[in-house]
């Protein structure tokens, strides 16, 4: 299974929803809290070109945010991405 990285903040409902979906699928992920770490937030913005959380990567592929993750799930594309 490909490694999953998710940039989050503790007060973000969309972050919680994205993590809930990954948890339901039994997917482990590396969570990076950007709320108190300006360096990690800069890293996220450079990698994603976005400033909102969550920002999610599966392997080296930038998935996007929570809505993007759920769209992949609904379209049946998330499991193959994780397994590839």
PDB file of N, CA and C in Angstrom:
ATOM      1  N   UNK A   1       0.843  -1.187   0.000  1.00  0.00           N
ATOM      2  CA  UNK A   1       0.000   0.000   0.000  1.00  0.00           C
ATOM      3  C   UNK A   1       0.884   1.245   0.000  1.00  0.00           C
ATOM      4  N   UNK A   2       0.510   2.221  -0.806  1.00  0.00           N
ATOM      5  CA  UNK A   2       1.285   3.456  -0.892  1.00  0.00           C
ATOM      6  C   UNK A   2       1.181   4.246   0.407  1.00  0.00           C
ATOM      7  N   UNK A   3       2.233   4.984   0.770  1.00  0.00           N
ATOM      8  CA  UNK A   3       2.161   5.826   1.961  1.00  0.00           C
ATOM      9  C   UNK A   3       1.225   7.008   1.731  1.00  0.00           C
ATOM     10  N   UNK A   4       0.493   7.379   2.766  1.00  0.00           N
ATOM     11  CA  UNK A   4      -0.441   8.497   2.695  1.00  0.00           C
ATOM     12  C   UNK A   4       0.037   9.574   3.663  1.00  0.00           C
ATOM     13  N   UNK A   5       0.084  10.803   3.182  1.00  0.00           N
ATOM     14  CA  UNK A   5       0.455  11.951   4.011  1.00  0.00           C
ATOM     15  C   UNK A   5      -0.707  12.928   3.995  1.00  0.00           C
ATOM     16  N   UNK A   6      -1.075  13.423   5.180  1.00  0.00           N
ATOM     17  CA  UNK A   6      -2.171  14.384   5.272  1.00  0.00           C
ATOM     18  C   UNK A   6      -1.756  15.539   6.177  1.00  0.00           C
ATOM     19  N   UNK A   7      -1.818  16.734   5.622  1.00  0.00           N
ATOM     20  CA  UNK A   7      -1.544  17.952   6.383  1.00  0.00           C
ATOM     21  C   UNK A   7      -2.868  18.412   6.982  1.00  0.00           C
ATOM     22  N   UNK A   8      -2.870  18.662   8.300  1.00  0.00           N
ATOM     23  CA  UNK A   8      -4.116  18.969   9.005  1.00  0.00           C
ATOM     24  C   UNK A   8      -3.914  20.075  10.037  1.00  0.00           C
ATOM     25  N   UNK A   9      -5.043  20.486  10.633  1.00  0.00           N
ATOM     26  CA  UNK A   9      -5.037  21.230  11.894  1.00  0.00           C
ATOM     27  C   UNK A   9      -6.051  20.544  12.810  1.00  0.00           C
ATOM     28  N   UNK A  10      -5.877  20.671  14.125  1.00  0.00           N
ATOM     29  CA  UNK A  10      -6.774  19.981  15.052  1.00  0.00           C
ATOM     30  C   UNK A  10      -8.210  20.520  15.047  1.00  0.00           C
ATOM     31  N   UNK A  11      -8.410  21.732  14.526  1.00  0.00           N
ATOM     32  CA  UNK A  11      -9.752  22.346  14.588  1.00  0.00           C
ATOM     33  C   UNK A  11     -10.515  22.270  13.266  1.00  0.00           C
ATOM     34  N   UNK A  12     -10.022  21.445  12.349  1.00  0.00           N
ATOM     35  CA  UNK A  12     -10.580  21.390  10.999  1.00  0.00           C
ATOM     36  C   UNK A  12     -11.538  20.203  10.847  1.00  0.00           C
ATOM     37  N   UNK A  13     -12.800  20.488  10.606  1.00  0.00           N
ATOM     38  CA  UNK A  13     -13.791  19.431  10.405  1.00  0.00           C
ATOM     39  C   UNK A  13     -13.535  18.610   9.154  1.00  0.00           C
ATOM     40  N   UNK A  14     -13.069  19.251   8.092  1.00  0.00           N
ATOM     41  CA  UNK A  14     -12.773  18.526   6.849  1.00  0.00           C
ATOM     42  C   UNK A  14     -11.595  17.575   7.054  1.00  0.00           C
ATOM     43  N   UNK A  15     -10.630  17.984   7.894  1.00  0.00           N
ATOM     44  CA  UNK A  15      -9.497  17.109   8.218  1.00  0.00           C
ATOM     45  C   UNK A  15     -10.002  15.862   8.943  1.00  0.00           C
ATOM     46  N   UNK A  16     -10.887  16.082   9.916  1.00  0.00           N
ATOM     47  CA  UNK A  16     -11.449  14.965  10.682  1.00  0.00           C
ATOM     48  C   UNK A  16     -12.212  14.016   9.758  1.00  0.00           C
ATOM     49  N   UNK A  17     -12.971  14.567   8.815  1.00  0.00           N
ATOM     50  CA  UNK A  17     -13.752  13.733   7.883  1.00  0.00           C
ATOM     51  C   UNK A  17     -12.831  12.925   6.973  1.00  0.00           C
ATOM     52  N   UNK A  18     -11.757  13.549   6.494  1.00  0.00           N
ATOM     53  CA  UNK A  18     -10.805  12.844   5.622  1.00  0.00           C
ATOM     54  C   UNK A  18     -10.127  11.713   6.393  1.00  0.00           C
ATOM     55  N   UNK A  19      -9.719  11.997   7.634  1.00  0.00           N
ATOM     56  CA  UNK A  19      -9.058  10.972   8.455  1.00  0.00           C
ATOM     57  C   UNK A  19     -10.037   9.844   8.778  1.00  0.00           C
ATOM     58  N   UNK A  20     -11.304  10.189   8.999  1.00  0.00           N
ATOM     59  CA  UNK A  20     -12.326   9.179   9.290  1.00  0.00           C
ATOM     60  C   UNK A  20     -12.464   8.199   8.118  1.00  0.00           C
ATOM     61  N   UNK A  21     -12.489   8.721   6.888  1.00  0.00           N
ATOM     62  CA  UNK A  21     -12.585   7.858   5.709  1.00  0.00           C
ATOM     63  C   UNK A  21     -11.363   6.937   5.622  1.00  0.00           C
ATOM     64  N   UNK A  22     -10.186   7.500   5.817  1.00  0.00           N
ATOM     65  CA  UNK A  22      -8.968   6.685   5.767  1.00  0.00           C
ATOM     66  C   UNK A  22      -8.974   5.637   6.884  1.00  0.00           C
ATOM     67  N   UNK A  23      -9.415   6.026   8.074  1.00  0.00           N
ATOM     68  CA  UNK A  23      -9.491   5.089   9.203  1.00  0.00           C
ATOM     69  C   UNK A  23     -10.464   3.951   8.896  1.00  0.00           C
ATOM     70  N   UNK A  24     -11.620   4.281   8.309  1.00  0.00           N
ATOM     71  CA  UNK A  24     -12.614   3.261   7.965  1.00  0.00           C
ATOM     72  C   UNK A  24     -12.045   2.254   6.973  1.00  0.00           C
ATOM     73  N   UNK A  25     -11.140   2.720   6.119  1.00  0.00           N
ATOM     74  CA  UNK A  25     -10.529   1.837   5.123  1.00  0.00           C
ATOM     75  C   UNK A  25      -9.305   1.106   5.681  1.00  0.00           C
ATOM     76  N   UNK A  26      -8.946   1.397   6.929  1.00  0.00           N
ATOM     77  CA  UNK A  26      -7.783   0.751   7.525  1.00  0.00           C
ATOM     78  C   UNK A  26      -6.469   1.262   6.970  1.00  0.00           C
ATOM     79  N   UNK A  27      -6.487   2.494   6.456  1.00  0.00           N
ATOM     80  CA  UNK A  27      -5.292   3.088   5.857  1.00  0.00           C
ATOM     81  C   UNK A  27      -4.529   3.863   6.928  1.00  0.00           C
ATOM     82  N   UNK A  28      -3.254   3.532   7.102  1.00  0.00           N
ATOM     83  CA  UNK A  28      -2.442   4.324   8.029  1.00  0.00           C
ATOM     84  C   UNK A  28      -1.895   5.522   7.256  1.00  0.00           C
ATOM     85  N   UNK A  29      -1.677   6.608   7.965  1.00  0.00           N
ATOM     86  CA  UNK A  29      -1.221   7.835   7.315  1.00  0.00           C
ATOM     87  C   UNK A  29      -0.293   8.602   8.227  1.00  0.00           C
ATOM     88  N   UNK A  30       0.537   9.396   7.605  1.00  0.00           N
ATOM     89  CA  UNK A  30       1.441  10.288   8.315  1.00  0.00           C
ATOM     90  C   UNK A  30       0.731  11.634   8.398  1.00  0.00           C
ATOM     91  N   UNK A  31       0.351  12.033   9.613  1.00  0.00           N
ATOM     92  CA  UNK A  31      -0.380  13.295   9.796  1.00  0.00           C
ATOM     93  C   UNK A  31       0.584  14.382  10.228  1.00  0.00           C
ATOM     94  N   UNK A  32       0.522  15.512   9.520  1.00  0.00           N
ATOM     95  CA  UNK A  32       1.380  16.653   9.826  1.00  0.00           C
ATOM     96  C   UNK A  32       0.489  17.825  10.225  1.00  0.00           C
ATOM     97  N   UNK A  33       0.587  18.228  11.499  1.00  0.00           N
ATOM     98  CA  UNK A  33      -0.208  19.343  12.031  1.00  0.00           C
ATOM     99  C   UNK A  33       0.484  20.657  11.667  1.00  0.00           C
ATOM    100  N   UNK A  34      -0.167  21.460  10.834  1.00  0.00           N
ATOM    101  CA  UNK A  34       0.450  22.722  10.387  1.00  0.00           C
ATOM    102  C   UNK A  34       0.008  23.927  11.220  1.00  0.00           C
ATOM    103  N   UNK A  35      -0.860  23.700  12.197  1.00  0.00           N
ATOM    104  CA  UNK A  35      -1.392  24.823  12.973  1.00  0.00           C
ATOM    105  C   UNK A  35      -0.303  25.542  13.770  1.00  0.00           C
ATOM    106  N   UNK A  36       0.575  24.772  14.396  1.00  0.00           N
ATOM    107  CA  UNK A  36       1.596  25.369  15.256  1.00  0.00           C
ATOM    108  C   UNK A  36       2.986  25.327  14.617  1.00  0.00           C
ATOM    109  N   UNK A  37       3.071  24.895  13.371  1.00  0.00           N
ATOM    110  CA  UNK A  37       4.374  24.746  12.720  1.00  0.00           C
ATOM    111  C   UNK A  37       4.373  25.477  11.384  1.00  0.00           C
ATOM    112  N   UNK A  38       4.830  26.731  11.417  1.00  0.00           N
ATOM    113  CA  UNK A  38       4.814  27.572  10.212  1.00  0.00           C
ATOM    114  C   UNK A  38       5.665  26.973   9.096  1.00  0.00           C
ATOM    115  N   UNK A  39       6.743  26.283   9.477  1.00  0.00           N
ATOM    116  CA  UNK A  39       7.607  25.667   8.481  1.00  0.00           C
ATOM    117  C   UNK A  39       6.873  24.571   7.709  1.00  0.00           C
ATOM    118  N   UNK A  40       6.125  23.749   8.430  1.00  0.00           N
ATOM    119  CA  UNK A  40       5.361  22.668   7.792  1.00  0.00           C
ATOM    120  C   UNK A  40       4.235  23.242   6.941  1.00  0.00           C
ATOM    121  N   UNK A  41       3.632  24.351   7.386  1.00  0.00           N
ATOM    122  CA  UNK A  41       2.583  24.986   6.580  1.00  0.00           C
ATOM    123  C   UNK A  41       3.169  25.499   5.270  1.00  0.00           C
ATOM    124  N   UNK A  42       4.347  26.110   5.333  1.00  0.00           N
ATOM    125  CA  UNK A  42       5.031  26.578   4.115  1.00  0.00           C
ATOM    126  C   UNK A  42       5.332  25.402   3.186  1.00  0.00           C
ATOM    127  N   UNK A  43       5.811  24.297   3.774  1.00  0.00           N
ATOM    128  CA  UNK A  43       6.107  23.089   3.005  1.00  0.00           C
ATOM    129  C   UNK A  43       4.844  22.599   2.292  1.00  0.00           C
ATOM    130  N   UNK A  44       3.726  22.566   3.021  1.00  0.00           N
ATOM    131  CA  UNK A  44       2.455  22.128   2.437  1.00  0.00           C
ATOM    132  C   UNK A  44       2.045  23.041   1.287  1.00  0.00           C
ATOM    133  N   UNK A  45       2.139  24.360   1.494  1.00  0.00           N
ATOM    134  CA  UNK A  45       1.719  25.309   0.455  1.00  0.00           C
ATOM    135  C   UNK A  45       2.609  25.198  -0.776  1.00  0.00           C
ATOM    136  N   UNK A  46       3.907  24.954  -0.572  1.00  0.00           N
ATOM    137  CA  UNK A  46       4.813  24.768  -1.704  1.00  0.00           C
ATOM    138  C   UNK A  46       4.461  23.497  -2.466  1.00  0.00           C
ATOM    139  N   UNK A  47       4.239  22.413  -1.739  1.00  0.00           N
ATOM    140  CA  UNK A  47       3.946  21.127  -2.382  1.00  0.00           C
ATOM    141  C   UNK A  47       2.593  21.142  -3.083  1.00  0.00           C
ATOM    142  N   UNK A  48       1.581  21.741  -2.424  1.00  0.00           N
ATOM    143  CA  UNK A  48       0.212  21.655  -2.930  1.00  0.00           C
ATOM    144  C   UNK A  48      -0.191  22.842  -3.794  1.00  0.00           C
ATOM    145  N   UNK A  49       0.449  23.979  -3.579  1.00  0.00           N
ATOM    146  CA  UNK A  49      -0.005  25.191  -4.252  1.00  0.00           C
ATOM    147  C   UNK A  49      -1.325  25.685  -3.667  1.00  0.00           C
ATOM    148  N   UNK A  50      -1.678  25.181  -2.490  1.00  0.00           N
ATOM    149  CA  UNK A  50      -2.915  25.572  -1.801  1.00  0.00           C
ATOM    150  C   UNK A  50      -2.579  25.881  -0.352  1.00  0.00           C
ATOM    151  N   UNK A  51      -3.441  26.688   0.285  1.00  0.00           N
ATOM    152  CA  UNK A  51      -3.175  27.060   1.678  1.00  0.00           C
ATOM    153  C   UNK A  51      -4.214  26.489   2.646  1.00  0.00           C
ATOM    154  N   UNK A  52      -5.188  25.741   2.141  1.00  0.00           N
ATOM    155  CA  UNK A  52      -6.227  25.187   3.007  1.00  0.00           C
ATOM    156  C   UNK A  52      -5.878  23.751   3.411  1.00  0.00           C
ATOM    157  N   UNK A  53      -6.413  23.335   4.549  1.00  0.00           N
ATOM    158  CA  UNK A  53      -6.244  21.947   5.001  1.00  0.00           C
ATOM    159  C   UNK A  53      -7.588  21.244   4.920  1.00  0.00           C
ATOM    160  N   UNK A  54      -7.594  19.926   4.773  1.00  0.00           N
ATOM    161  CA  UNK A  54      -6.414  19.072   4.641  1.00  0.00           C
ATOM    162  C   UNK A  54      -5.846  19.109   3.229  1.00  0.00           C
ATOM    163  N   UNK A  55      -4.591  18.757   3.110  1.00  0.00           N
ATOM    164  CA  UNK A  55      -3.971  18.474   1.817  1.00  0.00           C
ATOM    165  C   UNK A  55      -3.435  17.055   1.922  1.00  0.00           C
ATOM    166  N   UNK A  56      -3.795  16.231   0.945  1.00  0.00           N
ATOM    167  CA  UNK A  56      -3.564  14.795   1.040  1.00  0.00           C
ATOM    168  C   UNK A  56      -2.732  14.305  -0.143  1.00  0.00           C
ATOM    169  N   UNK A  57      -1.738  13.466   0.172  1.00  0.00           N
ATOM    170  CA  UNK A  57      -0.926  12.803  -0.850  1.00  0.00           C
ATOM    171  C   UNK A  57      -1.049  11.304  -0.674  1.00  0.00           C
ATOM    172  N   UNK A  58      -1.160  10.609  -1.799  1.00  0.00           N
ATOM    173  CA  UNK A  58      -1.037   9.153  -1.814  1.00  0.00           C
ATOM    174  C   UNK A  58       0.225   8.874  -2.619  1.00  0.00           C
ATOM    175  N   UNK A  59       1.232   8.373  -1.935  1.00  0.00           N
ATOM    176  CA  UNK A  59       2.547   8.270  -2.566  1.00  0.00           C
ATOM    177  C   UNK A  59       3.005   9.672  -2.933  1.00  0.00           C
ATOM    178  N   UNK A  60       3.417   9.861  -4.177  1.00  0.00           N
ATOM    179  CA  UNK A  60       3.852  11.182  -4.641  1.00  0.00           C
ATOM    180  C   UNK A  60       2.726  11.958  -5.320  1.00  0.00           C
ATOM    181  N   UNK A  61       1.519  11.382  -5.351  1.00  0.00           N
ATOM    182  CA  UNK A  61       0.387  12.014  -6.039  1.00  0.00           C
ATOM    183  C   UNK A  61      -0.402  12.891  -5.084  1.00  0.00           C
ATOM    184  N   UNK A  62      -0.536  14.173  -5.437  1.00  0.00           N
ATOM    185  CA  UNK A  62      -1.347  15.093  -4.638  1.00  0.00           C
ATOM    186  C   UNK A  62      -2.817  14.853  -4.971  1.00  0.00           C
ATOM    187  N   UNK A  63      -3.564  14.396  -3.983  1.00  0.00           N
ATOM    188  CA  UNK A  63      -4.988  14.098  -4.163  1.00  0.00           C
ATOM    189  C   UNK A  63      -5.812  15.375  -4.062  1.00  0.00           C
ATOM    190  N   UNK A  64      -5.397  16.271  -3.162  1.00  0.00           N
ATOM    191  CA  UNK A  64      -6.155  17.490  -2.912  1.00  0.00           C
ATOM    192  C   UNK A  64      -6.671  17.488  -1.492  1.00  0.00           C
ATOM    193  N   UNK A  65      -7.919  17.951  -1.324  1.00  0.00           N
ATOM    194  CA  UNK A  65      -8.508  18.063   0.002  1.00  0.00           C
ATOM    195  C   UNK A  65      -9.517  16.970   0.284  1.00  0.00           C
ATOM    196  N   UNK A  66     -10.341  17.226   1.288  1.00  0.00           N
ATOM    197  CA  UNK A  66     -11.338  16.250   1.742  1.00  0.00           C
ATOM    198  C   UNK A  66     -12.338  15.908   0.639  1.00  0.00           C
ATOM    199  N   UNK A  67     -12.886  16.919  -0.017  1.00  0.00           N
ATOM    200  CA  UNK A  67     -13.870  16.671  -1.085  1.00  0.00           C
ATOM    201  C   UNK A  67     -13.261  15.834  -2.204  1.00  0.00           C
ATOM    202  N   UNK A  68     -12.002  16.116  -2.537  1.00  0.00           N
ATOM    203  CA  UNK A  68     -11.314  15.361  -3.587  1.00  0.00           C
ATOM    204  C   UNK A  68     -11.153  13.895  -3.185  1.00  0.00           C
ATOM    205  N   UNK A  69     -10.828  13.671  -1.901  1.00  0.00           N
ATOM    206  CA  UNK A  69     -10.673  12.304  -1.396  1.00  0.00           C
ATOM    207  C   UNK A  69     -11.993  11.542  -1.493  1.00  0.00           C
ATOM    208  N   UNK A  70     -13.087  12.190  -1.070  1.00  0.00           N
ATOM    209  CA  UNK A  70     -14.407  11.549  -1.131  1.00  0.00           C
ATOM    210  C   UNK A  70     -14.865  11.334  -2.570  1.00  0.00           C
ATOM    211  N   UNK A  71     -14.498  12.257  -3.470  1.00  0.00           N
ATOM    212  CA  UNK A  71     -14.820  12.072  -4.894  1.00  0.00           C
ATOM    213  C   UNK A  71     -14.129  10.824  -5.439  1.00  0.00           C
ATOM    214  N   UNK A  72     -12.866  10.630  -5.068  1.00  0.00           N
ATOM    215  CA  UNK A  72     -12.132   9.432  -5.499  1.00  0.00           C
ATOM    216  C   UNK A  72     -12.816   8.176  -4.962  1.00  0.00           C
ATOM    217  N   UNK A  73     -13.263   8.230  -3.708  1.00  0.00           N
ATOM    218  CA  UNK A  73     -13.935   7.084  -3.097  1.00  0.00           C
ATOM    219  C   UNK A  73     -15.237   6.777  -3.847  1.00  0.00           C
ATOM    220  N   UNK A  74     -16.045   7.817  -4.092  1.00  0.00           N
ATOM    221  CA  UNK A  74     -17.330   7.639  -4.783  1.00  0.00           C
ATOM    222  C   UNK A  74     -17.159   7.092  -6.183  1.00  0.00           C
ATOM    223  N   UNK A  75     -16.093   7.492  -6.858  1.00  0.00           N
ATOM    224  CA  UNK A  75     -15.876   7.065  -8.243  1.00  0.00           C
ATOM    225  C   UNK A  75     -15.154   5.718  -8.325  1.00  0.00           C
ATOM    226  N   UNK A  76     -14.837   5.138  -7.155  1.00  0.00           N
ATOM    227  CA  UNK A  76     -14.167   3.835  -7.156  1.00  0.00           C
ATOM    228  C   UNK A  76     -12.681   3.902  -7.468  1.00  0.00           C
ATOM    229  N   UNK A  77     -12.096   5.088  -7.440  1.00  0.00           N
ATOM    230  CA  UNK A  77     -10.681   5.250  -7.810  1.00  0.00           C
ATOM    231  C   UNK A  77      -9.736   5.259  -6.620  1.00  0.00           C
ATOM    232  N   UNK A  78     -10.280   5.397  -5.401  1.00  0.00           N
ATOM    233  CA  UNK A  78      -9.405   5.527  -4.233  1.00  0.00           C
ATOM    234  C   UNK A  78      -8.673   4.222  -3.927  1.00  0.00           C
ATOM    235  N   UNK A  79      -9.391   3.103  -3.883  1.00  0.00           N
ATOM    236  CA  UNK A  79      -8.742   1.830  -3.541  1.00  0.00           C
ATOM    237  C   UNK A  79      -7.612   1.476  -4.512  1.00  0.00           C
ATOM    238  N   UNK A  80      -7.843   1.586  -5.847  1.00  0.00           N
ATOM    239  CA  UNK A  80      -6.734   1.289  -6.767  1.00  0.00           C
ATOM    240  C   UNK A  80      -5.544   2.230  -6.571  1.00  0.00           C
ATOM    241  N   UNK A  81      -5.811   3.502  -6.242  1.00  0.00           N
ATOM    242  CA  UNK A  81      -4.714   4.452  -5.998  1.00  0.00           C
ATOM    243  C   UNK A  81      -3.892   4.040  -4.797  1.00  0.00           C
ATOM    244  N   UNK A  82      -4.590   3.616  -3.732  1.00  0.00           N
ATOM    245  CA  UNK A  82      -3.907   3.206  -2.509  1.00  0.00           C
ATOM    246  C   UNK A  82      -3.085   1.953  -2.727  1.00  0.00           C
ATOM    247  N   UNK A  83      -3.610   1.046  -3.542  1.00  0.00           N
ATOM    248  CA  UNK A  83      -2.976  -0.253  -3.740  1.00  0.00           C
ATOM    249  C   UNK A  83      -1.833  -0.224  -4.760  1.00  0.00           C
ATOM    250  N   UNK A  84      -1.898   0.739  -5.684  1.00  0.00           N
ATOM    251  CA  UNK A  84      -0.956   0.765  -6.811  1.00  0.00           C
ATOM    252  C   UNK A  84       0.505   0.744  -6.386  1.00  0.00           C
TER     253      UNK A  84
END
